[in-house]
Amino acid sequence: MLIVDNLSKRFGGLRAVDECSFTVRRGTITGLIGPNGAGKTTVFNMLTGFLRPDGGKVVLEGEEITGLPPYRIFRKGIARTFQVPREFREMTVRENLTLVPAGQWGERWWNPFLRPWGVKRQEHELMRRADAVLDFLGLTRLRDQPAGSLSGGQKKLLELGKTMMADPKLVLLDEPGAGVNRTLLKALADSIVRLAHERGITFLLIEHDMDFVMRLCRPVIVMSEGRKLTEGEPEEIQHNEAVLEAYLGGQYVAVES
């Protein structure tokens, strides 16, 4: 589904991503791991148009999307979350979801005057979809609460719900488990698996919680110093000497034998 070919990005004299190449197969939950500073989030930012690569290309389903602006990449079927959730704090949980779909009639100032019935009908349909997403994620009881009042784990579930409202082909999750308690982390993992199996959504996720990655992801791609170091099944990655060395050279050992 996704081909990343020799992607590179410099920040001054720092080469954050150095001719990195990997592929993501359709229908997989692929993990992208590596020590802090390996270049993982920079790759995500280039894949989603928030950064323009200095070299290389990105191909989605046979179409090159390198350097397109974020809104165009979003319309191609790629949705993403961020390390820190970006909810509209004062709006309700349900309202945060209904904002996501593109091309809403109410966005054109003349439609509420010329086509009020169409705007109202679409609003009802979006609310129905939002309620279905909230039910899927187990957040229905929080539907009318301000999004800013949610816990960190609940906000991560809301972020996942926002990607669901976009009907994506590929979802990029940037540290979905960070700051999430074990109960909500299990709910998040279960939701990701269901979306992959029941709706055919492909996932690429960055995560430092190795237990989460090893249980959820197949395959796992390892980055180090801006490049792909290796790729394989979780069991292979756990015992790969090059991976262990890369993590030992970082701030902590994240892979356990």
C-alpha atoms as a PDB file:
ATOM      1  CA  MET A   1       0.000   0.000   0.000  1.00  0.00           C
ATOM      2  CA  LEU A   2       2.727   2.492   0.982  1.00  0.00           C
ATOM      3  CA  ILE A   3       6.264   2.738  -0.381  1.00  0.00           C
ATOM      4  CA  VAL A   4       8.828   4.973   1.307  1.00  0.00           C
ATOM      5  CA  ASP A   5      11.821   5.254  -1.014  1.00  0.00           C
ATOM      6  CA  ASN A   6      15.114   6.855   0.109  1.00  0.00           C
ATOM      7  CA  LEU A   7      13.359   9.548   2.127  1.00  0.00           C
ATOM      8  CA  SER A   8      15.713  12.210   3.531  1.00  0.00           C
ATOM      9  CA  LYS A   9      15.380  15.338   5.670  1.00  0.00           C
ATOM     10  CA  ARG A  10      17.999  17.763   7.025  1.00  0.00           C
ATOM     11  CA  PHE A  11      17.641  20.407   9.707  1.00  0.00           C
ATOM     12  CA  GLY A  12      20.702  22.581   9.233  1.00  0.00           C
ATOM     13  CA  GLY A  13      23.673  20.276   9.655  1.00  0.00           C
ATOM     14  CA  LEU A  14      21.604  17.485  11.199  1.00  0.00           C
ATOM     15  CA  ARG A  15      20.436  14.682   8.925  1.00  0.00           C
ATOM     16  CA  ALA A  16      17.294  13.616  10.799  1.00  0.00           C
ATOM     17  CA  VAL A  17      16.237  11.088   8.141  1.00  0.00           C
ATOM     18  CA  ASP A  18      18.929   9.560   5.944  1.00  0.00           C
ATOM     19  CA  GLU A  19      17.705   7.774   2.796  1.00  0.00           C
ATOM     20  CA  CYS A  20      15.148   5.748   4.719  1.00  0.00           C
ATOM     21  CA  SER A  21      13.205   3.103   2.794  1.00  0.00           C
ATOM     22  CA  PHE A  22      10.454   0.696   3.833  1.00  0.00           C
ATOM     23  CA  THR A  23       7.032  -0.550   2.720  1.00  0.00           C
ATOM     24  CA  VAL A  24       3.711  -1.010   4.483  1.00  0.00           C
ATOM     25  CA  ARG A  25       1.553  -3.886   3.286  1.00  0.00           C
ATOM     26  CA  ARG A  26      -2.197  -3.491   2.998  1.00  0.00           C
ATOM     27  CA  GLY A  27      -4.176  -4.745   5.978  1.00  0.00           C
ATOM     28  CA  THR A  28      -1.244  -4.885   8.406  1.00  0.00           C
ATOM     29  CA  ILE A  29      -0.633  -3.217  11.742  1.00  0.00           C
ATOM     30  CA  THR A  30       3.001  -2.231  11.214  1.00  0.00           C
ATOM     31  CA  GLY A  31       5.150  -0.976  14.067  1.00  0.00           C
ATOM     32  CA  LEU A  32       7.851   1.675  13.614  1.00  0.00           C
ATOM     33  CA  ILE A  33      10.230   1.704  16.566  1.00  0.00           C
ATOM     34  CA  GLY A  34      13.667   3.014  17.421  1.00  0.00           C
ATOM     35  CA  PRO A  35      15.587   4.979  20.055  1.00  0.00           C
ATOM     36  CA  ASN A  36      14.765   8.623  20.718  1.00  0.00           C
ATOM     37  CA  GLY A  37      16.071  10.744  17.840  1.00  0.00           C
ATOM     38  CA  ALA A  38      15.919   7.893  15.321  1.00  0.00           C
ATOM     39  CA  GLY A  39      13.774  10.021  12.963  1.00  0.00           C
ATOM     40  CA  LYS A  40      10.427   8.287  13.352  1.00  0.00           C
ATOM     41  CA  THR A  41       8.186  11.339  13.861  1.00  0.00           C
ATOM     42  CA  THR A  42      10.079  13.224  11.138  1.00  0.00           C
ATOM     43  CA  VAL A  43       9.170  10.380   8.769  1.00  0.00           C
ATOM     44  CA  PHE A  44       5.527  10.663   9.837  1.00  0.00           C
ATOM     45  CA  ASN A  45       5.588  14.415   9.237  1.00  0.00           C
ATOM     46  CA  MET A  46       6.912  13.875   5.707  1.00  0.00           C
ATOM     47  CA  LEU A  47       4.409  11.123   4.953  1.00  0.00           C
ATOM     48  CA  THR A  48       1.535  13.426   5.927  1.00  0.00           C
ATOM     49  CA  GLY A  49       2.794  16.629   4.282  1.00  0.00           C
ATOM     50  CA  PHE A  50       3.745  18.551   7.423  1.00  0.00           C
ATOM     51  CA  LEU A  51       7.371  18.516   6.246  1.00  0.00           C
ATOM     52  CA  ARG A  52       8.690  18.524   2.684  1.00  0.00           C
ATOM     53  CA  PRO A  53      11.396  15.890   2.091  1.00  0.00           C
ATOM     54  CA  ASP A  54      14.830  16.950   0.855  1.00  0.00           C
ATOM     55  CA  GLY A  55      15.038  13.749  -1.157  1.00  0.00           C
ATOM     56  CA  GLY A  56      13.261  10.493  -1.917  1.00  0.00           C
ATOM     57  CA  LYS A  57       9.613   9.809  -2.566  1.00  0.00           C
ATOM     58  CA  VAL A  58       6.407   8.495  -1.016  1.00  0.00           C
ATOM     59  CA  VAL A  59       4.009   6.342  -3.056  1.00  0.00           C
ATOM     60  CA  LEU A  60       0.476   5.466  -1.917  1.00  0.00           C
ATOM     61  CA  GLU A  61      -1.293   2.738  -3.889  1.00  0.00           C
ATOM     62  CA  GLY A  62       0.879   3.412  -6.930  1.00  0.00           C
ATOM     63  CA  GLU A  63       0.458   7.209  -6.829  1.00  0.00           C
ATOM     64  CA  GLU A  64       3.327   9.445  -5.775  1.00  0.00           C
ATOM     65  CA  ILE A  65       2.257  11.855  -3.031  1.00  0.00           C
ATOM     66  CA  THR A  66       5.671  13.265  -2.103  1.00  0.00           C
ATOM     67  CA  GLY A  67       5.470  16.829  -0.806  1.00  0.00           C
ATOM     68  CA  LEU A  68       1.714  17.255  -1.212  1.00  0.00           C
ATOM     69  CA  PRO A  69       0.110  19.537   1.394  1.00  0.00           C
ATOM     70  CA  PRO A  70      -1.551  17.836   4.376  1.00  0.00           C
ATOM     71  CA  TYR A  71      -5.133  18.454   3.222  1.00  0.00           C
ATOM     72  CA  ARG A  72      -4.483  16.730  -0.114  1.00  0.00           C
ATOM     73  CA  ILE A  73      -2.801  13.748   1.537  1.00  0.00           C
ATOM     74  CA  PHE A  74      -5.762  13.539   3.933  1.00  0.00           C
ATOM     75  CA  ARG A  75      -8.102  13.387   0.933  1.00  0.00           C
ATOM     76  CA  LYS A  76      -6.009  10.576  -0.561  1.00  0.00           C
ATOM     77  CA  GLY A  77      -6.938   8.436   2.452  1.00  0.00           C
ATOM     78  CA  ILE A  78      -4.152   8.955   5.015  1.00  0.00           C
ATOM     79  CA  ALA A  79      -5.175  10.080   8.506  1.00  0.00           C
ATOM     80  CA  ARG A  80      -2.914  10.555  11.500  1.00  0.00           C
ATOM     81  CA  THR A  81      -2.787  11.217  15.208  1.00  0.00           C
ATOM     82  CA  PHE A  82      -0.173  13.180  17.151  1.00  0.00           C
ATOM     83  CA  GLN A  83       1.897  12.466  20.253  1.00  0.00           C
ATOM     84  CA  VAL A  84      -0.087  15.141  22.109  1.00  0.00           C
ATOM     85  CA  PRO A  85      -3.848  14.977  21.363  1.00  0.00           C
ATOM     86  CA  ARG A  86      -5.228  18.027  19.545  1.00  0.00           C
ATOM     87  CA  GLU A  87      -8.846  18.143  20.630  1.00  0.00           C
ATOM     88  CA  PHE A  88     -11.071  21.238  20.588  1.00  0.00           C
ATOM     89  CA  ARG A  89     -11.281  21.528  24.355  1.00  0.00           C
ATOM     90  CA  GLU A  90     -14.507  23.519  24.706  1.00  0.00           C
ATOM     91  CA  MET A  91     -16.458  21.483  22.165  1.00  0.00           C
ATOM     92  CA  THR A  92     -18.153  18.235  23.099  1.00  0.00           C
ATOM     93  CA  VAL A  93     -16.671  14.843  22.297  1.00  0.00           C
ATOM     94  CA  ARG A  94     -19.334  14.289  19.642  1.00  0.00           C
ATOM     95  CA  GLU A  95     -18.754  17.740  18.088  1.00  0.00           C
ATOM     96  CA  ASN A  96     -15.022  16.996  17.814  1.00  0.00           C
ATOM     97  CA  LEU A  97     -15.900  13.979  15.675  1.00  0.00           C
ATOM     98  CA  THR A  98     -18.430  15.712  13.435  1.00  0.00           C
ATOM     99  CA  LEU A  99     -15.841  18.340  12.453  1.00  0.00           C
ATOM    100  CA  VAL A 100     -13.594  15.808  10.737  1.00  0.00           C
ATOM    101  CA  PRO A 101     -15.241  14.821   7.400  1.00  0.00           C
ATOM    102  CA  ALA A 102     -14.230  17.025   4.473  1.00  0.00           C
ATOM    103  CA  GLY A 103     -16.614  18.735   2.056  1.00  0.00           C
ATOM    104  CA  GLN A 104     -19.406  19.512   4.502  1.00  0.00           C
ATOM    105  CA  TRP A 105     -22.191  21.641   2.994  1.00  0.00           C
ATOM    106  CA  GLY A 106     -22.235  23.979   5.964  1.00  0.00           C
ATOM    107  CA  GLU A 107     -18.662  25.068   5.196  1.00  0.00           C
ATOM    108  CA  ARG A 108     -19.980  27.119   2.245  1.00  0.00           C
ATOM    109  CA  TRP A 109     -21.627  30.258   3.559  1.00  0.00           C
ATOM    110  CA  TRP A 110     -24.424  30.200   0.992  1.00  0.00           C
ATOM    111  CA  ASN A 111     -25.642  26.651   1.629  1.00  0.00           C
ATOM    112  CA  PRO A 112     -27.414  27.348   4.962  1.00  0.00           C
ATOM    113  CA  PHE A 113     -29.466  29.975   3.077  1.00  0.00           C
ATOM    114  CA  LEU A 114     -29.998  28.193  -0.254  1.00  0.00           C
ATOM    115  CA  ARG A 115     -29.982  24.538   0.867  1.00  0.00           C
ATOM    116  CA  PRO A 116     -30.891  24.495   4.573  1.00  0.00           C
ATOM    117  CA  TRP A 117     -32.556  21.079   4.238  1.00  0.00           C
ATOM    118  CA  GLY A 118     -29.364  19.587   2.767  1.00  0.00           C
ATOM    119  CA  VAL A 119     -27.182  21.065   5.503  1.00  0.00           C
ATOM    120  CA  LYS A 120     -29.521  19.778   8.210  1.00  0.00           C
ATOM    121  CA  ARG A 121     -29.725  16.308   6.644  1.00  0.00           C
ATOM    122  CA  GLN A 122     -25.930  16.065   6.455  1.00  0.00           C
ATOM    123  CA  GLU A 123     -25.568  17.230  10.060  1.00  0.00           C
ATOM    124  CA  HIS A 124     -27.920  14.482  11.214  1.00  0.00           C
ATOM    125  CA  GLU A 125     -25.965  11.884   9.229  1.00  0.00           C
ATOM    126  CA  LEU A 126     -22.649  13.074  10.739  1.00  0.00           C
ATOM    127  CA  MET A 127     -24.098  12.899  14.248  1.00  0.00           C
ATOM    128  CA  ARG A 128     -25.294   9.354  13.534  1.00  0.00           C
ATOM    129  CA  ARG A 129     -21.816   8.374  12.340  1.00  0.00           C
ATOM    130  CA  ALA A 130     -20.206  10.045  15.354  1.00  0.00           C
ATOM    131  CA  ASP A 131     -22.503   8.135  17.714  1.00  0.00           C
ATOM    132  CA  ALA A 132     -21.573   4.870  15.993  1.00  0.00           C
ATOM    133  CA  VAL A 133     -17.851   5.678  16.422  1.00  0.00           C
ATOM    134  CA  LEU A 134     -18.344   6.537  20.093  1.00  0.00           C
ATOM    135  CA  ASP A 135     -20.199   3.257  20.628  1.00  0.00           C
ATOM    136  CA  PHE A 136     -17.377   1.366  18.876  1.00  0.00           C
ATOM    137  CA  LEU A 137     -14.794   2.989  21.185  1.00  0.00           C
ATOM    138  CA  GLY A 138     -16.856   2.709  24.351  1.00  0.00           C
ATOM    139  CA  LEU A 139     -17.093   6.484  24.791  1.00  0.00           C
ATOM    140  CA  THR A 140     -20.858   6.940  24.411  1.00  0.00           C
ATOM    141  CA  ARG A 141     -21.345   8.047  28.025  1.00  0.00           C
ATOM    142  CA  LEU A 142     -18.905  10.918  27.388  1.00  0.00           C
ATOM    143  CA  ARG A 143     -20.608  12.088  24.187  1.00  0.00           C
ATOM    144  CA  ASP A 144     -21.782  15.457  25.532  1.00  0.00           C
ATOM    145  CA  GLN A 145     -18.782  16.174  27.765  1.00  0.00           C
ATOM    146  CA  PRO A 146     -16.243  18.884  26.813  1.00  0.00           C
ATOM    147  CA  ALA A 147     -13.343  17.128  25.115  1.00  0.00           C
ATOM    148  CA  GLY A 148     -10.901  18.995  27.334  1.00  0.00           C
ATOM    149  CA  SER A 149     -12.298  17.212  30.403  1.00  0.00           C
ATOM    150  CA  LEU A 150     -11.273  13.732  29.169  1.00  0.00           C
ATOM    151  CA  SER A 151      -8.396  11.787  30.662  1.00  0.00           C
ATOM    152  CA  GLY A 152      -5.228  11.295  28.637  1.00  0.00           C
ATOM    153  CA  GLY A 153      -6.265   7.786  27.607  1.00  0.00           C
ATOM    154  CA  GLN A 154      -9.758   8.885  26.649  1.00  0.00           C
ATOM    155  CA  LYS A 155      -8.270  11.633  24.491  1.00  0.00           C
ATOM    156  CA  LYS A 156      -6.161   9.019  22.675  1.00  0.00           C
ATOM    157  CA  LEU A 157      -9.340   7.040  21.980  1.00  0.00           C
ATOM    158  CA  LEU A 158     -10.987  10.244  20.729  1.00  0.00           C
ATOM    159  CA  GLU A 159      -8.015  10.801  18.402  1.00  0.00           C
ATOM    160  CA  LEU A 160      -8.529   7.319  16.991  1.00  0.00           C
ATOM    161  CA  GLY A 161     -12.237   8.100  16.610  1.00  0.00           C
ATOM    162  CA  LYS A 162     -11.419  11.228  14.615  1.00  0.00           C
ATOM    163  CA  THR A 163      -9.429   9.141  12.138  1.00  0.00           C
ATOM    164  CA  MET A 164     -12.414   6.762  11.836  1.00  0.00           C
ATOM    165  CA  MET A 165     -14.657   9.682  10.833  1.00  0.00           C
ATOM    166  CA  ALA A 166     -12.369  10.274   7.840  1.00  0.00           C
ATOM    167  CA  ASP A 167     -12.926   6.765   6.382  1.00  0.00           C
ATOM    168  CA  PRO A 168      -9.157   6.347   5.891  1.00  0.00           C
ATOM    169  CA  LYS A 169      -7.244   3.696   4.010  1.00  0.00           C
ATOM    170  CA  LEU A 170      -4.125   4.160   6.142  1.00  0.00           C
ATOM    171  CA  VAL A 171      -3.847   5.516   9.693  1.00  0.00           C
ATOM    172  CA  LEU A 172      -0.563   6.739  11.184  1.00  0.00           C
ATOM    173  CA  LEU A 173      -0.559   6.621  14.989  1.00  0.00           C
ATOM    174  CA  ASP A 174       2.175   8.606  16.742  1.00  0.00           C
ATOM    175  CA  GLU A 175       2.735   7.068  20.208  1.00  0.00           C
ATOM    176  CA  PRO A 176      -0.901   6.125  20.856  1.00  0.00           C
ATOM    177  CA  GLY A 177      -0.002   4.453  24.150  1.00  0.00           C
ATOM    178  CA  ALA A 178       1.935   7.357  25.704  1.00  0.00           C
ATOM    179  CA  GLY A 179       0.428   8.365  29.034  1.00  0.00           C
ATOM    180  CA  VAL A 180      -2.397   5.816  28.793  1.00  0.00           C
ATOM    181  CA  ASN A 181      -3.217   3.527  31.723  1.00  0.00           C
ATOM    182  CA  ARG A 182      -3.198  -0.225  31.155  1.00  0.00           C
ATOM    183  CA  THR A 183      -6.983  -0.590  31.061  1.00  0.00           C
ATOM    184  CA  LEU A 184      -7.471   2.069  28.395  1.00  0.00           C
ATOM    185  CA  LEU A 185      -4.369   0.850  26.556  1.00  0.00           C
ATOM    186  CA  LYS A 186      -6.010  -2.546  26.171  1.00  0.00           C
ATOM    187  CA  ALA A 187      -9.205  -0.872  24.908  1.00  0.00           C
ATOM    188  CA  LEU A 188      -7.125   1.133  22.425  1.00  0.00           C
ATOM    189  CA  ALA A 189      -5.295  -1.969  21.201  1.00  0.00           C
ATOM    190  CA  ASP A 190      -8.550  -3.913  20.846  1.00  0.00           C
ATOM    191  CA  SER A 191     -10.057  -1.044  18.810  1.00  0.00           C
ATOM    192  CA  ILE A 192      -7.065  -0.952  16.463  1.00  0.00           C
ATOM    193  CA  VAL A 193      -7.242  -4.707  15.876  1.00  0.00           C
ATOM    194  CA  ARG A 194     -10.991  -4.558  15.201  1.00  0.00           C
ATOM    195  CA  LEU A 195     -10.570  -1.696  12.738  1.00  0.00           C
ATOM    196  CA  ALA A 196      -7.853  -3.605  10.886  1.00  0.00           C
ATOM    197  CA  HIS A 197      -9.789  -6.892  10.764  1.00  0.00           C
ATOM    198  CA  GLU A 198     -13.370  -5.649  10.368  1.00  0.00           C
ATOM    199  CA  ARG A 199     -12.888  -2.529   8.255  1.00  0.00           C
ATOM    200  CA  GLY A 200      -9.653  -3.321   6.451  1.00  0.00           C
ATOM    201  CA  ILE A 201      -7.836  -0.221   7.687  1.00  0.00           C
ATOM    202  CA  THR A 202      -4.040  -0.386   7.495  1.00  0.00           C
ATOM    203  CA  PHE A 203      -2.044   0.982  10.440  1.00  0.00           C
ATOM    204  CA  LEU A 204       1.502   2.281  10.839  1.00  0.00           C
ATOM    205  CA  LEU A 205       2.316   3.215  14.409  1.00  0.00           C
ATOM    206  CA  ILE A 206       5.198   4.667  16.398  1.00  0.00           C
ATOM    207  CA  GLU A 207       5.366   3.454  19.965  1.00  0.00           C
ATOM    208  CA  HIS A 208       7.891   3.188  22.806  1.00  0.00           C
ATOM    209  CA  ASP A 209       5.840   0.676  24.807  1.00  0.00           C
ATOM    210  CA  MET A 210       7.491  -2.478  23.526  1.00  0.00           C
ATOM    211  CA  ASP A 211       4.954  -4.804  25.104  1.00  0.00           C
ATOM    212  CA  PHE A 212       2.210  -2.947  23.202  1.00  0.00           C
ATOM    213  CA  VAL A 213       4.178  -3.144  19.942  1.00  0.00           C
ATOM    214  CA  MET A 214       5.144  -6.784  20.270  1.00  0.00           C
ATOM    215  CA  ARG A 215       1.570  -7.867  20.993  1.00  0.00           C
ATOM    216  CA  LEU A 216      -0.034  -5.750  18.277  1.00  0.00           C
ATOM    217  CA  CYS A 217       2.322  -5.260  15.338  1.00  0.00           C
ATOM    218  CA  ARG A 218       3.334  -7.552  12.510  1.00  0.00           C
ATOM    219  CA  PRO A 219       5.778  -6.666  11.093  1.00  0.00           C
ATOM    220  CA  VAL A 220       7.975  -4.348  13.169  1.00  0.00           C
ATOM    221  CA  ILE A 221      10.332  -1.888  11.435  1.00  0.00           C
ATOM    222  CA  VAL A 222      13.295  -0.569  13.420  1.00  0.00           C
ATOM    223  CA  MET A 223      14.894   2.809  12.705  1.00  0.00           C
ATOM    224  CA  SER A 224      18.245   4.034  13.985  1.00  0.00           C
ATOM    225  CA  GLU A 225      20.101   7.246  13.111  1.00  0.00           C
ATOM    226  CA  GLY A 226      17.593   8.189  10.434  1.00  0.00           C
ATOM    227  CA  ARG A 227      17.681   4.890   8.558  1.00  0.00           C
ATOM    228  CA  LYS A 228      15.838   1.597   8.567  1.00  0.00           C
ATOM    229  CA  LEU A 229      17.952  -0.760  10.630  1.00  0.00           C
ATOM    230  CA  THR A 230      15.949  -3.959  10.194  1.00  0.00           C
ATOM    231  CA  GLU A 231      12.435  -5.398   9.863  1.00  0.00           C
ATOM    232  CA  GLY A 232      10.823  -8.599  10.997  1.00  0.00           C
ATOM    233  CA  GLU A 233       8.356 -10.400  13.212  1.00  0.00           C
ATOM    234  CA  PRO A 234       8.245  -9.294  16.866  1.00  0.00           C
ATOM    235  CA  GLU A 235      10.045 -12.426  18.046  1.00  0.00           C
ATOM    236  CA  GLU A 236      12.905 -11.794  15.611  1.00  0.00           C
ATOM    237  CA  ILE A 237      13.203  -8.134  16.577  1.00  0.00           C
ATOM    238  CA  GLN A 238      13.339  -8.927  20.297  1.00  0.00           C
ATOM    239  CA  HIS A 239      16.468 -11.034  19.827  1.00  0.00           C
ATOM    240  CA  ASN A 240      18.174  -9.047  17.053  1.00  0.00           C
ATOM    241  CA  GLU A 241      21.650  -7.997  18.228  1.00  0.00           C
ATOM    242  CA  ALA A 242      21.696  -4.872  16.039  1.00  0.00           C
ATOM    243  CA  VAL A 243      18.416  -3.724  17.602  1.00  0.00           C
ATOM    244  CA  LEU A 244      19.676  -4.368  21.120  1.00  0.00           C
ATOM    245  CA  GLU A 245      22.846  -2.428  20.365  1.00  0.00           C
ATOM    246  CA  ALA A 246      20.868   0.516  18.931  1.00  0.00           C
ATOM    247  CA  TYR A 247      18.743   0.755  22.075  1.00  0.00           C
ATOM    248  CA  LEU A 248      21.693   0.241  24.421  1.00  0.00           C
ATOM    249  CA  GLY A 249      23.326   3.219  22.758  1.00  0.00           C
ATOM    250  CA  GLY A 250      20.268   5.334  23.545  1.00  0.00           C
ATOM    251  CA  GLN A 251      18.739   6.496  26.800  1.00  0.00           C
ATOM    252  CA  TYR A 252      17.207   3.189  27.852  1.00  0.00           C
ATOM    253  CA  VAL A 253      16.844  -0.455  26.875  1.00  0.00           C
ATOM    254  CA  ALA A 254      13.364  -0.817  25.367  1.00  0.00           C
ATOM    255  CA  VAL A 255      13.552  -4.375  24.032  1.00  0.00           C
ATOM    256  CA  GLU A 256      13.613  -7.247  26.470  1.00  0.00           C
ATOM    257  CA  SER A 257      14.960 -10.691  25.651  1.00  0.00           C
END
